[in-house]
């Protein structure tokens, strides 16, 4: 490329930026932006690119400042819209979903004919579980530009989540026609068809469709889903042999996510074939591939956060603040029912049983309450007082949290008096949510056999659960989580936090459900004892399991693997810890 003339305008100098960004030359791009801003302070295009570069480098605060400066210096609606879009992406990455929504709305207002801003707004709605809003916005997006397969794919996803499967499949057909069968993303649409079949309870259809997806693209991460839907006859089963052959042929250039998915699938198949040694080796390989290089740091920070919550949020906070909260849920007449705990403790089964009750609406795994609580805690921590010393200010903040949650879940609740939120990670926020929602009830789902549940976690790939890929980290996290749950139980009024052990749920389902419904002031309904008959979307790892009648088949599932679980047992018992977390 020839050198720029000595008196090149800022626009001529900035013309190189798109090429530098596409080539990943961020440092060079940053120097170019800085040079333009030194000679032309506040140049809006340079500020926009400075924000974009900062975002790509992970410097969120710097990106926010740059994007905001665009609005100070530019009257160009399209550039202002791009800056709002950039702000939305930063807020989205920081889990500041309400702020992201506002930014994408402003981008749409500045450039109403640009579909990318609408699509981003729809994706935020999907994150919030606001599927009806997402469908409406995606329909508008498609009216602007019907040629983009991603628009149709997102619409299919939203419609499937709403249970409008025929419409979802129509959207998928259009998406596939836009993609063409030879494109790399075609297998993803076939995979969504399989997921819809699984959600609907069509296990045979789901199995065959996952098979087709993998035939189209062997690097599609659908092996685990297929393995869990495929009966295994023994160690010489053809499907097991096929998985082993695929593992040998997939080389290092295949994405780690695919190789890990295949390893977990092989582990499941070997477990079904009653070969625990090979099964454990395959699960361990999947965990090794999934484990982040920063895993130790991430797990340590997680344990520190759990300990800090126990230390700072005690009975005094709850009693002084909760009494002052004006909760939106109280005036709107619904009872939030939060299912909390670690995975593989029976939460999907329990939610399915409760969803059979005509006065209960099940929202699934909503991230909204968790994100609101996490954002509030982060803001308090940043202020230097954690929790705030100003009780009235804390109460107002919790009231706002409740109002936002209430509004975001309005369509999902369908005016039923009880609303189930199965975001298990809310076990961290029981105290905050209990104060924000004076009528909320918390169901703590878990296995009484800690080794059993932890093994269930280890043998599955849980995105975002870094502790789950190492047996020692898993045991340490279990102890910290149970200590925090004991803490919440000690400060909440009686009846607001109920323990629901999986073993008790499957041994005495009627007695367990009656106890829960009594706490919710609801009459018993026999339909709750037949979760397999409930026709609702179940988009979780337990989708196939809850389609079967109640069974205790997963009780004691760790027994064949005990010889390899010694590190987990030692961690659960606190061996080698200088200051062990009290056992529950």
Protein backbone atom coordinates (compact mmCIF):
# COMPACT_ATOMS: atom_id res chain seq x y z
CA UNK A 1 0.00 0.00 0.00
CA UNK A 2 1.42 3.40 -0.94
CA UNK A 3 2.16 5.90 1.80
CA UNK A 4 -0.48 8.51 2.52
CA UNK A 5 0.24 12.07 1.42
CA UNK A 6 1.68 14.29 4.17
CA UNK A 7 -1.53 16.31 4.46
CA UNK A 8 -4.02 13.44 4.25
CA UNK A 9 -7.39 14.17 5.80
CA UNK A 10 -8.59 12.19 8.84
CA UNK A 11 -11.03 10.35 6.54
CA UNK A 12 -8.21 9.31 4.19
CA UNK A 13 -6.13 8.07 7.12
CA UNK A 14 -9.07 6.22 8.69
CA UNK A 15 -9.86 4.46 5.39
CA UNK A 16 -7.21 1.85 6.26
CA UNK A 17 -8.92 0.86 9.52
CA UNK A 18 -11.42 -1.71 8.23
CA UNK A 19 -8.63 -3.65 6.53
CA UNK A 20 -6.48 -3.58 9.67
CA UNK A 21 -9.38 -4.80 11.80
CA UNK A 22 -10.26 -7.63 9.40
CA UNK A 23 -6.61 -8.72 9.47
CA UNK A 24 -6.57 -8.59 13.28
CA UNK A 25 -3.85 -5.91 13.43
CA UNK A 26 -5.35 -4.23 16.48
CA UNK A 27 -2.20 -2.52 17.75
CA UNK A 28 -1.58 -0.85 14.40
CA UNK A 29 -5.24 0.15 14.18
CA UNK A 30 -5.11 1.62 17.70
CA UNK A 31 -2.02 3.70 16.81
CA UNK A 32 -3.73 5.00 13.68
CA UNK A 33 -6.81 6.04 15.68
CA UNK A 34 -4.68 7.72 18.34
CA UNK A 35 -2.81 9.63 15.67
CA UNK A 36 -6.01 10.95 14.12
CA UNK A 37 -7.42 11.95 17.52
CA UNK A 38 -4.21 13.79 18.41
CA UNK A 39 -4.56 16.03 15.35
CA UNK A 40 -8.38 16.07 15.26
CA UNK A 41 -9.62 15.71 18.86
CA UNK A 42 -13.16 14.37 19.10
CA UNK A 43 -13.27 13.19 15.48
CA UNK A 44 -16.44 11.05 15.68
CA UNK A 45 -15.40 8.34 13.23
CA UNK A 46 -12.05 7.95 14.96
CA UNK A 47 -13.83 7.78 18.33
CA UNK A 48 -16.13 5.07 17.00
CA UNK A 49 -13.22 2.98 15.77
CA UNK A 50 -11.37 3.59 19.05
CA UNK A 51 -14.39 2.13 20.83
CA UNK A 52 -14.50 -0.84 18.46
CA UNK A 53 -10.78 -1.54 18.94
CA UNK A 54 -11.10 -1.26 22.72
CA UNK A 55 -14.01 -3.69 22.66
CA UNK A 56 -12.02 -6.22 20.63
CA UNK A 57 -9.14 -5.91 23.12
CA UNK A 58 -11.48 -6.50 26.06
CA UNK A 59 -11.10 -2.96 27.45
CA UNK A 60 -14.78 -2.42 28.19
CA UNK A 61 -14.49 0.83 30.17
CA UNK A 62 -12.35 2.39 27.44
CA UNK A 63 -14.84 1.24 24.78
CA UNK A 64 -17.77 2.74 26.68
CA UNK A 65 -16.00 6.11 26.95
CA UNK A 66 -15.12 6.18 23.26
CA UNK A 67 -18.63 5.25 22.10
CA UNK A 68 -20.15 7.91 24.37
CA UNK A 69 -17.81 10.55 22.91
CA UNK A 70 -19.23 9.76 19.46
CA UNK A 71 -22.58 11.08 20.68
CA UNK A 72 -20.94 14.28 21.90
CA UNK A 73 -19.30 15.05 18.56
CA UNK A 74 -21.52 13.56 15.83
CA UNK A 75 -24.90 14.45 14.40
CA UNK A 76 -24.76 11.67 11.81
CA UNK A 77 -27.61 9.31 12.81
CA UNK A 78 -25.96 6.25 11.27
CA UNK A 79 -22.70 6.77 13.12
CA UNK A 80 -24.58 7.50 16.32
CA UNK A 81 -26.54 4.27 15.78
CA UNK A 82 -23.29 2.32 15.35
CA UNK A 83 -22.00 3.82 18.61
CA UNK A 84 -25.21 2.85 20.42
CA UNK A 85 -24.85 -0.64 18.97
CA UNK A 86 -21.29 -0.78 20.27
CA UNK A 87 -22.46 0.31 23.72
CA UNK A 88 -25.06 -2.47 23.61
CA UNK A 89 -22.43 -5.10 22.84
CA UNK A 90 -20.25 -3.93 25.74
CA UNK A 91 -23.17 -3.96 28.18
CA UNK A 92 -24.21 -7.38 26.90
CA UNK A 93 -20.75 -8.77 27.56
CA UNK A 94 -20.84 -7.29 31.06
CA UNK A 95 -24.22 -8.95 31.72
CA UNK A 96 -25.83 -5.49 31.95
CA UNK A 97 -28.82 -6.65 29.96
CA UNK A 98 -31.17 -3.75 30.65
CA UNK A 99 -28.50 -1.26 29.59
CA UNK A 100 -27.82 -3.35 26.48
CA UNK A 101 -31.51 -3.32 25.60
CA UNK A 102 -31.68 0.46 25.96
CA UNK A 103 -28.59 0.92 23.76
CA UNK A 104 -29.93 -1.30 20.97
CA UNK A 105 -33.29 0.50 21.14
CA UNK A 106 -31.50 3.82 20.64
CA UNK A 107 -29.52 2.35 17.73
CA UNK A 108 -32.79 1.29 16.12
CA UNK A 109 -34.27 4.74 16.70
CA UNK A 110 -31.28 6.48 15.07
CA UNK A 111 -31.20 4.10 12.08
CA UNK A 112 -34.67 2.52 11.82
CA UNK A 113 -33.96 0.94 8.43
CA UNK A 114 -30.85 -0.97 9.57
CA UNK A 115 -31.81 -4.60 10.40
CA UNK A 116 -28.63 -5.43 12.34
CA UNK A 117 -29.72 -3.18 15.23
CA UNK A 118 -33.12 -4.84 15.41
CA UNK A 119 -31.52 -8.27 15.32
CA UNK A 120 -29.26 -7.34 18.24
CA UNK A 121 -32.31 -6.17 20.20
CA UNK A 122 -34.03 -9.50 19.47
CA UNK A 123 -31.00 -11.40 20.75
CA UNK A 124 -31.18 -9.44 24.02
CA UNK A 125 -34.84 -10.36 24.33
CA UNK A 126 -33.94 -14.02 23.82
CA UNK A 127 -31.34 -13.76 26.59
CA UNK A 128 -34.01 -12.35 28.90
CA UNK A 129 -36.49 -15.08 28.01
CA UNK A 130 -38.78 -12.48 26.39
CA UNK A 131 -39.54 -14.70 23.44
CA UNK A 132 -42.75 -12.96 22.31
CA UNK A 133 -40.87 -9.65 22.11
CA UNK A 134 -38.06 -11.39 20.22
CA UNK A 135 -40.50 -12.83 17.67
CA UNK A 136 -42.09 -9.42 17.08
CA UNK A 137 -38.73 -7.73 16.53
CA UNK A 138 -37.43 -10.54 14.30
CA UNK A 139 -40.55 -10.31 12.14
CA UNK A 140 -39.78 -6.59 11.66
CA UNK A 141 -36.15 -7.47 10.89
CA UNK A 142 -37.20 -9.98 8.24
CA UNK A 143 -39.56 -7.47 6.63
CA UNK A 144 -36.49 -5.26 6.13
CA UNK A 145 -34.18 -8.04 4.97
CA UNK A 146 -35.52 -11.54 4.38
CA UNK A 147 -32.35 -12.76 2.66
CA UNK A 148 -30.26 -13.32 5.80
CA UNK A 149 -30.49 -16.90 7.11
CA UNK A 150 -29.45 -15.79 10.61
CA UNK A 151 -32.68 -13.80 10.93
CA UNK A 152 -34.75 -16.87 10.12
CA UNK A 153 -32.64 -19.06 12.37
CA UNK A 154 -33.15 -16.75 15.36
CA UNK A 155 -36.88 -16.61 14.62
CA UNK A 156 -37.00 -20.41 14.59
CA UNK A 157 -35.21 -20.51 17.93
CA UNK A 158 -37.62 -18.02 19.51
CA UNK A 159 -40.69 -19.80 18.15
CA UNK A 160 -39.41 -23.16 19.35
CA UNK A 161 -38.86 -21.75 22.83
CA UNK A 162 -42.48 -20.58 22.78
CA UNK A 163 -43.67 -24.03 21.84
CA UNK A 164 -44.86 -22.85 18.41
CA UNK A 165 -43.12 -25.73 16.70
CA UNK A 166 -44.91 -25.72 13.35
CA UNK A 167 -44.01 -22.06 12.85
CA UNK A 168 -40.46 -22.75 14.02
CA UNK A 169 -40.05 -25.52 11.47
CA UNK A 170 -41.39 -23.24 8.71
CA UNK A 171 -38.80 -20.62 9.69
CA UNK A 172 -36.12 -23.33 9.62
CA UNK A 173 -37.13 -24.35 6.12
CA UNK A 174 -36.69 -20.77 4.95
CA UNK A 175 -33.38 -20.53 6.80
CA UNK A 176 -32.15 -23.69 5.07
CA UNK A 177 -33.23 -22.43 1.67
CA UNK A 178 -31.20 -19.26 2.24
CA UNK A 179 -28.14 -21.21 3.44
CA UNK A 180 -28.04 -23.97 0.85
CA UNK A 181 -27.15 -27.56 1.78
CA UNK A 182 -23.44 -27.18 1.13
CA UNK A 183 -22.79 -24.40 3.63
CA UNK A 184 -21.08 -25.21 6.93
CA UNK A 185 -23.99 -23.88 9.00
CA UNK A 186 -26.57 -26.18 7.38
CA UNK A 187 -25.97 -28.86 10.02
CA UNK A 188 -26.89 -26.33 12.72
CA UNK A 189 -30.39 -25.99 11.32
CA UNK A 190 -30.75 -29.77 11.18
CA UNK A 191 -29.53 -29.82 14.80
CA UNK A 192 -32.25 -27.34 15.77
CA UNK A 193 -34.81 -29.62 14.14
CA UNK A 194 -33.47 -32.41 16.33
CA UNK A 195 -33.70 -30.22 19.43
CA UNK A 196 -37.32 -29.36 18.61
CA UNK A 197 -38.11 -33.06 18.28
CA UNK A 198 -36.40 -33.75 21.61
CA UNK A 199 -38.21 -30.88 23.34
CA UNK A 200 -41.51 -32.22 22.00
CA UNK A 201 -40.72 -35.68 23.33
CA UNK A 202 -40.18 -37.26 19.90
CA UNK A 203 -37.06 -39.16 20.95
CA UNK A 204 -36.91 -41.34 17.82
CA UNK A 205 -37.26 -38.31 15.54
CA UNK A 206 -34.61 -36.44 17.50
CA UNK A 207 -32.18 -39.37 17.22
CA UNK A 208 -32.57 -39.67 13.46
CA UNK A 209 -32.29 -35.92 12.94
CA UNK A 210 -29.09 -35.65 15.02
CA UNK A 211 -27.76 -38.52 12.94
CA UNK A 212 -28.48 -36.57 9.75
CA UNK A 213 -26.78 -33.46 11.14
CA UNK A 214 -23.59 -35.41 11.84
CA UNK A 215 -23.71 -37.05 8.42
CA UNK A 216 -23.77 -33.58 6.86
CA UNK A 217 -21.02 -32.26 9.09
CA UNK A 218 -18.88 -34.60 11.27
CA UNK A 219 -17.63 -31.52 13.14
CA UNK A 220 -21.12 -30.57 14.34
CA UNK A 221 -21.18 -30.88 18.17
CA UNK A 222 -24.16 -33.22 18.38
CA UNK A 223 -22.47 -36.44 19.47
CA UNK A 224 -23.47 -36.31 23.13
CA UNK A 225 -27.11 -35.62 22.32
CA UNK A 226 -27.15 -38.53 19.86
CA UNK A 227 -25.42 -40.87 22.32
CA UNK A 228 -28.00 -40.17 25.01
CA UNK A 229 -30.80 -41.07 22.59
CA UNK A 230 -29.18 -44.25 21.25
CA UNK A 231 -29.61 -47.60 23.05
CA UNK A 232 -26.34 -49.46 23.59
CA UNK A 233 -26.44 -53.25 23.52
CA UNK A 234 -22.97 -53.91 24.92
CA UNK A 235 -19.26 -53.30 24.45
CA UNK A 236 -19.45 -54.53 20.84
CA UNK A 237 -22.31 -52.20 19.90
CA UNK A 238 -21.84 -50.72 16.37
CA UNK A 239 -22.64 -47.19 17.56
CA UNK A 240 -19.96 -47.40 20.24
CA UNK A 241 -17.47 -48.63 17.65
CA UNK A 242 -18.42 -45.74 15.36
CA UNK A 243 -17.77 -43.20 18.13
CA UNK A 244 -14.36 -44.73 18.80
CA UNK A 245 -13.49 -44.62 15.11
CA UNK A 246 -14.57 -40.98 14.86
CA UNK A 247 -12.45 -40.11 17.88
CA UNK A 248 -9.41 -41.63 16.17
CA UNK A 249 -10.03 -39.74 12.91
CA UNK A 250 -10.89 -36.27 14.26
CA UNK A 251 -7.55 -34.49 14.34
CA UNK A 252 -6.24 -31.54 16.32
CA UNK A 253 -7.54 -29.07 13.74
CA UNK A 254 -11.13 -29.92 14.69
CA UNK A 255 -12.48 -27.42 17.28
CA UNK A 256 -11.92 -28.39 20.89
CA UNK A 257 -15.66 -28.13 21.53
CA UNK A 258 -16.32 -30.90 19.00
CA UNK A 259 -13.58 -33.19 20.33
CA UNK A 260 -14.87 -32.66 23.88
CA UNK A 261 -18.45 -33.36 22.78
CA UNK A 262 -17.31 -36.61 21.18
CA UNK A 263 -15.41 -37.61 24.33
CA UNK A 264 -18.49 -37.11 26.53
CA UNK A 265 -20.57 -39.07 24.01
CA UNK A 266 -18.07 -41.94 24.12
CA UNK A 267 -18.13 -41.83 27.92
CA UNK A 268 -21.91 -42.13 27.97
CA UNK A 269 -21.89 -45.00 25.47
CA UNK A 270 -19.24 -46.91 27.47
CA UNK A 271 -21.20 -46.30 30.67
CA UNK A 272 -24.33 -47.74 29.04
CA UNK A 273 -22.23 -50.71 27.87
CA UNK A 274 -21.24 -51.36 31.51
CA UNK A 275 -17.56 -50.55 30.91
CA UNK A 276 -16.78 -48.05 33.71
CA UNK A 277 -13.02 -47.93 33.14
CA UNK A 278 -13.35 -46.84 29.50
CA UNK A 279 -16.26 -44.57 30.40
CA UNK A 280 -14.30 -42.74 33.09
CA UNK A 281 -11.29 -42.32 30.78
CA UNK A 282 -13.52 -40.78 28.10
CA UNK A 283 -15.26 -38.43 30.56
CA UNK A 284 -11.88 -37.37 31.95
CA UNK A 285 -10.65 -36.61 28.43
CA UNK A 286 -13.74 -34.48 27.77
CA UNK A 287 -13.14 -32.58 31.01
CA UNK A 288 -9.46 -32.07 30.12
CA UNK A 289 -10.42 -30.57 26.78
CA UNK A 290 -13.09 -28.34 28.33
CA UNK A 291 -10.98 -27.07 31.23
CA UNK A 292 -9.74 -23.50 30.76
CA UNK A 293 -6.06 -22.59 31.29
CA UNK A 294 -7.39 -20.07 33.85
CA UNK A 295 -9.49 -22.67 35.65
CA UNK A 296 -7.66 -22.50 38.99
CA UNK A 297 -8.01 -18.72 39.10
CA UNK A 298 -11.69 -18.85 38.12
CA UNK A 299 -12.54 -21.49 40.73
CA UNK A 300 -10.63 -19.65 43.46
CA UNK A 301 -12.51 -16.42 42.72
CA UNK A 302 -15.81 -18.32 42.76
CA UNK A 303 -15.07 -19.82 46.17
CA UNK A 304 -14.02 -16.41 47.49
CA UNK A 305 -17.29 -14.92 46.27
CA UNK A 306 -19.34 -17.60 48.02
CA UNK A 307 -17.41 -17.03 51.25
CA UNK A 308 -17.89 -13.26 50.96
CA UNK A 309 -21.66 -13.67 50.59
CA UNK A 310 -21.77 -15.74 53.77
CA UNK A 311 -19.69 -13.17 55.62
CA UNK A 312 -21.50 -10.00 54.56
CA UNK A 313 -25.15 -10.96 54.18
CA UNK A 314 -26.43 -12.11 57.53
CA UNK A 315 -29.64 -12.02 59.51
CA UNK A 316 -29.28 -8.31 60.30
CA UNK A 317 -29.18 -7.32 56.63
CA UNK A 318 -32.15 -9.47 55.80
CA UNK A 319 -34.30 -8.32 58.71
CA UNK A 320 -33.54 -4.60 58.33
CA UNK A 321 -33.70 -4.34 54.53
CA UNK A 322 -36.44 -6.84 53.65
CA UNK A 323 -38.95 -5.06 55.85
CA UNK A 324 -38.51 -1.87 53.82
CA UNK A 325 -38.72 -3.35 50.33
CA UNK A 326 -41.82 -2.54 48.30
CA UNK A 327 -41.85 -5.59 46.04
CA UNK A 328 -43.53 -5.45 42.64
CA UNK A 329 -44.37 -9.14 42.92
CA UNK A 330 -46.47 -8.51 46.02
CA UNK A 331 -48.74 -6.04 44.26
CA UNK A 332 -48.92 -8.04 41.02
CA UNK A 333 -50.17 -11.10 42.86
CA UNK A 334 -47.70 -13.84 41.94
CA UNK A 335 -45.34 -15.97 44.02
CA UNK A 336 -41.82 -16.42 42.58
CA UNK A 337 -40.66 -20.00 43.11
CA UNK A 338 -36.89 -20.25 42.68
CA UNK A 339 -35.31 -23.67 42.18
CA UNK A 340 -31.70 -23.40 43.37
CA UNK A 341 -28.66 -25.63 43.79
CA UNK A 342 -25.99 -27.26 41.65
CA UNK A 343 -26.86 -29.23 38.49
CA UNK A 344 -27.92 -32.89 38.44
CA UNK A 345 -29.94 -32.67 41.64
CA UNK A 346 -33.38 -33.33 40.16
CA UNK A 347 -34.40 -29.75 39.35
CA UNK A 348 -35.69 -30.48 35.84
CA UNK A 349 -37.81 -33.36 37.11
CA UNK A 350 -39.21 -31.22 39.92
CA UNK A 351 -39.99 -28.33 37.57
CA UNK A 352 -41.76 -30.72 35.20
CA UNK A 353 -43.88 -32.07 38.06
CA UNK A 354 -44.81 -28.57 39.20
CA UNK A 355 -45.55 -27.48 35.63
CA UNK A 356 -48.34 -30.06 35.54
CA UNK A 357 -50.26 -27.99 38.09
CA UNK A 358 -52.82 -25.66 36.46
CA UNK A 359 -51.89 -22.75 38.73
CA UNK A 360 -48.13 -22.94 38.08
CA UNK A 361 -46.23 -21.39 35.17
CA UNK A 362 -42.74 -22.77 34.53
CA UNK A 363 -40.28 -20.32 33.01
CA UNK A 364 -37.32 -22.67 32.65
CA UNK A 365 -33.69 -21.68 33.10
CA UNK A 366 -34.00 -17.90 33.15
CA UNK A 367 -30.82 -15.90 33.55
CA UNK A 368 -32.68 -12.66 34.22
CA UNK A 369 -32.97 -12.79 38.03
CA UNK A 370 -29.38 -14.01 38.35
CA UNK A 371 -28.07 -11.17 36.19
CA UNK A 372 -30.07 -8.52 38.01
CA UNK A 373 -28.82 -9.78 41.38
CA UNK A 374 -25.21 -10.09 40.17
CA UNK A 375 -25.26 -6.57 38.69
CA UNK A 376 -26.66 -5.13 41.92
CA UNK A 377 -24.03 -6.88 44.03
CA UNK A 378 -21.30 -5.65 41.68
CA UNK A 379 -22.51 -2.06 41.96
CA UNK A 380 -22.62 -2.27 45.76
CA UNK A 381 -19.15 -3.78 45.86
CA UNK A 382 -17.79 -1.04 43.57
CA UNK A 383 -19.18 1.61 45.94
CA UNK A 384 -16.99 0.24 48.74
CA UNK A 385 -19.82 -0.76 51.09
CA UNK A 386 -20.96 -4.34 50.65
CA UNK A 387 -23.83 -4.41 51.44
CA UNK A 388 -24.68 -0.69 51.61
CA UNK A 389 -24.82 0.96 55.01
CA UNK A 390 -27.78 3.02 53.82
CA UNK A 391 -30.69 0.65 54.47
CA UNK A 392 -33.22 2.80 52.60
CA UNK A 393 -30.99 2.95 49.51
CA UNK A 394 -30.53 -0.83 49.59
CA UNK A 395 -34.29 -1.34 49.92
CA UNK A 396 -34.97 0.94 46.95
CA UNK A 397 -32.43 -0.95 44.83
CA UNK A 398 -34.04 -4.28 45.71
CA UNK A 399 -37.47 -2.88 44.91
CA UNK A 400 -36.19 -1.83 41.49
CA UNK A 401 -34.76 -5.32 40.95
CA UNK A 402 -38.15 -6.86 41.78
CA UNK A 403 -39.97 -4.46 39.45
CA UNK A 404 -37.64 -5.21 36.53
CA UNK A 405 -37.90 -8.95 37.07
CA UNK A 406 -41.67 -8.76 37.34
CA UNK A 407 -41.98 -6.85 34.09
CA UNK A 408 -39.55 -9.12 32.23
CA UNK A 409 -41.42 -12.29 33.23
CA UNK A 410 -44.95 -10.97 32.71
CA UNK A 411 -45.62 -12.85 29.46
CA UNK A 412 -44.06 -16.07 30.76
CA UNK A 413 -46.22 -16.07 33.89
CA UNK A 414 -49.47 -16.14 31.91
CA UNK A 415 -51.29 -14.67 34.93
CA UNK A 416 -50.81 -17.83 36.97
CA UNK A 417 -50.27 -17.30 40.71
CA UNK A 418 -46.97 -19.23 40.98
CA UNK A 419 -44.01 -18.77 38.65
CA UNK A 420 -41.06 -21.21 38.59
CA UNK A 421 -37.57 -19.88 37.82
CA UNK A 422 -35.10 -22.76 37.41
CA UNK A 423 -31.88 -20.76 37.22
CA UNK A 424 -30.00 -22.94 39.70
CA UNK A 425 -27.12 -20.50 40.11
CA UNK A 426 -29.48 -18.29 42.11
CA UNK A 427 -28.32 -20.29 45.12
CA UNK A 428 -25.72 -17.53 45.40
CA UNK A 429 -28.43 -14.87 45.60
CA UNK A 430 -31.03 -16.44 47.87
CA UNK A 431 -30.64 -13.67 50.46
CA UNK A 432 -30.91 -10.85 47.91
CA UNK A 433 -33.87 -12.39 46.09
CA UNK A 434 -35.66 -13.27 49.34
CA UNK A 435 -35.37 -9.65 50.44
CA UNK A 436 -36.51 -8.36 47.03
CA UNK A 437 -39.49 -10.75 46.89
CA UNK A 438 -41.13 -11.06 50.32
CA UNK A 439 -43.42 -13.84 49.07
CA UNK A 440 -40.79 -15.88 47.21
CA UNK A 441 -40.21 -19.53 48.08
CA UNK A 442 -36.91 -21.32 47.37
CA UNK A 443 -36.69 -25.04 46.60
CA UNK A 444 -33.19 -26.40 47.16
CA UNK A 445 -32.76 -29.42 44.87
CA UNK A 446 -29.84 -31.78 45.53
CA UNK A 447 -28.80 -35.37 46.08
CA UNK A 448 -28.23 -36.50 49.63
CA UNK A 449 -25.33 -38.56 48.27
CA UNK A 450 -22.89 -35.76 47.41
CA UNK A 451 -20.57 -38.15 45.56
CA UNK A 452 -23.48 -39.24 43.40
CA UNK A 453 -24.46 -35.71 42.39
CA UNK A 454 -20.90 -34.56 41.83
CA UNK A 455 -20.28 -37.55 39.60
CA UNK A 456 -23.41 -36.59 37.66
CA UNK A 457 -21.93 -33.11 37.16
CA UNK A 458 -18.49 -34.38 36.12
CA UNK A 459 -19.92 -36.71 33.48
CA UNK A 460 -21.66 -33.84 31.67
CA UNK A 461 -20.24 -30.77 29.97
CA UNK A 462 -21.63 -27.71 31.75
CA UNK A 463 -20.69 -24.49 29.98
CA UNK A 464 -19.63 -21.81 32.46
CA UNK A 465 -19.14 -24.27 35.34
CA UNK A 466 -15.34 -24.30 35.35
CA UNK A 467 -15.20 -26.20 38.64
CA UNK A 468 -16.94 -29.19 37.03
CA UNK A 469 -13.92 -30.26 34.97
CA UNK A 470 -11.71 -31.25 37.91
CA UNK A 471 -12.69 -33.68 40.68
CA UNK A 472 -10.92 -31.75 43.46
CA UNK A 473 -12.35 -28.39 42.35
CA UNK A 474 -15.76 -30.03 42.14
CA UNK A 475 -15.57 -31.29 45.73
CA UNK A 476 -14.35 -27.94 47.07
CA UNK A 477 -17.13 -26.09 45.25
CA UNK A 478 -19.76 -28.52 46.57
CA UNK A 479 -18.67 -27.85 50.14
CA UNK A 480 -18.71 -24.08 49.65
CA UNK A 481 -22.15 -24.18 48.01
CA UNK A 482 -23.63 -26.33 50.79
CA UNK A 483 -22.15 -24.03 53.42
CA UNK A 484 -23.79 -21.05 51.74
CA UNK A 485 -27.13 -22.88 51.55
CA UNK A 486 -26.86 -23.66 55.30
CA UNK A 487 -26.21 -19.96 55.85
CA UNK A 488 -29.32 -18.89 53.90
CA UNK A 489 -31.41 -21.48 55.71
CA UNK A 490 -30.26 -20.01 59.00
CA UNK A 491 -31.33 -16.44 58.23
CA UNK A 492 -34.57 -16.94 56.29
CA UNK A 493 -37.94 -17.30 58.04
CA UNK A 494 -39.25 -20.86 58.32
CA UNK A 495 -40.99 -22.14 55.20
CA UNK A 496 -39.23 -19.94 52.68
CA UNK A 497 -36.38 -22.35 51.88
CA UNK A 498 -37.37 -25.99 51.45
CA UNK A 499 -34.88 -28.83 50.91
CA UNK A 500 -35.97 -31.26 48.19
CA UNK A 501 -33.54 -34.21 48.03
CA UNK A 502 -33.74 -36.17 44.79
CA UNK A 503 -33.81 -39.47 46.67
CA UNK A 504 -36.91 -38.36 48.59
CA UNK A 505 -38.57 -36.95 45.46
CA UNK A 506 -38.42 -40.28 43.59
CA UNK A 507 -39.13 -42.43 46.66
CA UNK A 508 -42.15 -40.43 47.85
CA UNK A 509 -43.21 -38.13 45.01
CA UNK A 510 -46.71 -37.51 46.31
CA UNK A 511 -45.61 -36.62 49.84
CA UNK A 512 -42.87 -34.33 48.54
CA UNK A 513 -45.14 -32.50 46.09
CA UNK A 514 -47.89 -32.12 48.71
CA UNK A 515 -45.41 -30.46 51.07
CA UNK A 516 -44.31 -28.00 48.38
CA UNK A 517 -47.85 -27.18 47.27
CA UNK A 518 -48.91 -26.60 50.88
CA UNK A 519 -46.08 -24.07 51.26
CA UNK A 520 -47.43 -22.34 48.14
CA UNK A 521 -51.07 -22.43 49.33
CA UNK A 522 -52.00 -24.57 46.33
CA UNK A 523 -54.23 -27.66 46.29
CA UNK A 524 -52.74 -31.01 45.38
CA UNK A 525 -53.22 -32.11 41.76
CA UNK A 526 -52.55 -35.77 40.77
CA UNK A 527 -51.17 -34.60 37.40
CA UNK A 528 -48.00 -33.55 39.24
CA UNK A 529 -47.15 -37.24 39.68
CA UNK A 530 -46.96 -37.82 35.92
CA UNK A 531 -44.27 -35.46 34.58
CA UNK A 532 -43.88 -37.64 31.48
CA UNK A 533 -47.37 -36.54 30.38
CA UNK A 534 -46.62 -32.82 30.53
CA UNK A 535 -46.40 -31.35 27.03
CA UNK A 536 -44.15 -28.35 27.38
CA UNK A 537 -40.71 -27.39 26.10
CA UNK A 538 -37.88 -28.98 28.13
CA UNK A 539 -34.72 -27.49 26.61
CA UNK A 540 -32.30 -28.92 29.19
CA UNK A 541 -29.91 -31.86 29.36
CA UNK A 542 -32.59 -33.87 31.16
CA UNK A 543 -35.16 -33.51 28.36
CA UNK A 544 -35.16 -37.22 27.53
CA UNK A 545 -35.11 -38.36 31.15
CA UNK A 546 -38.20 -36.36 32.21
CA UNK A 547 -40.18 -37.85 29.32
CA UNK A 548 -40.10 -41.18 31.16
CA UNK A 549 -42.19 -42.14 34.22
CA UNK A 550 -40.77 -41.42 37.67
CA UNK A 551 -37.84 -43.69 38.44
CA UNK A 552 -34.97 -44.01 40.89
CA UNK A 553 -32.57 -45.15 38.14
CA UNK A 554 -30.06 -42.35 38.77
CA UNK A 555 -29.79 -43.06 42.50
CA UNK A 556 -26.40 -44.63 43.19
CA UNK A 557 -25.13 -44.03 39.64
CA UNK A 558 -21.62 -43.27 40.92
CA UNK A 559 -21.15 -46.72 42.48
CA UNK A 560 -19.34 -48.36 39.51
CA UNK A 561 -16.92 -45.40 39.35
CA UNK A 562 -15.88 -45.19 43.01
CA UNK A 563 -12.33 -46.50 42.31
CA UNK A 564 -11.63 -43.38 40.21
CA UNK A 565 -13.39 -40.86 42.45
CA UNK A 566 -10.99 -40.81 45.38
CA UNK A 567 -9.85 -37.19 44.71
CA UNK A 568 -13.51 -36.14 44.77
CA UNK A 569 -14.21 -38.02 48.01
CA UNK A 570 -11.21 -36.42 49.73
CA UNK A 571 -12.28 -32.95 48.59
CA UNK A 572 -15.84 -33.51 49.76
CA UNK A 573 -14.56 -34.51 53.18
CA UNK A 574 -12.20 -31.54 53.33
CA UNK A 575 -9.02 -33.58 53.54
CA UNK A 576 -5.93 -31.44 53.14
CA UNK A 577 -7.76 -28.12 53.56
CA UNK A 578 -6.27 -25.77 56.08
CA UNK A 579 -9.65 -24.26 56.88
CA UNK A 580 -12.32 -26.70 55.83
CA UNK A 581 -15.80 -25.49 54.99
CA UNK A 582 -18.22 -26.99 57.52
CA UNK A 583 -19.97 -30.03 56.13
CA UNK A 584 -23.72 -29.81 55.72
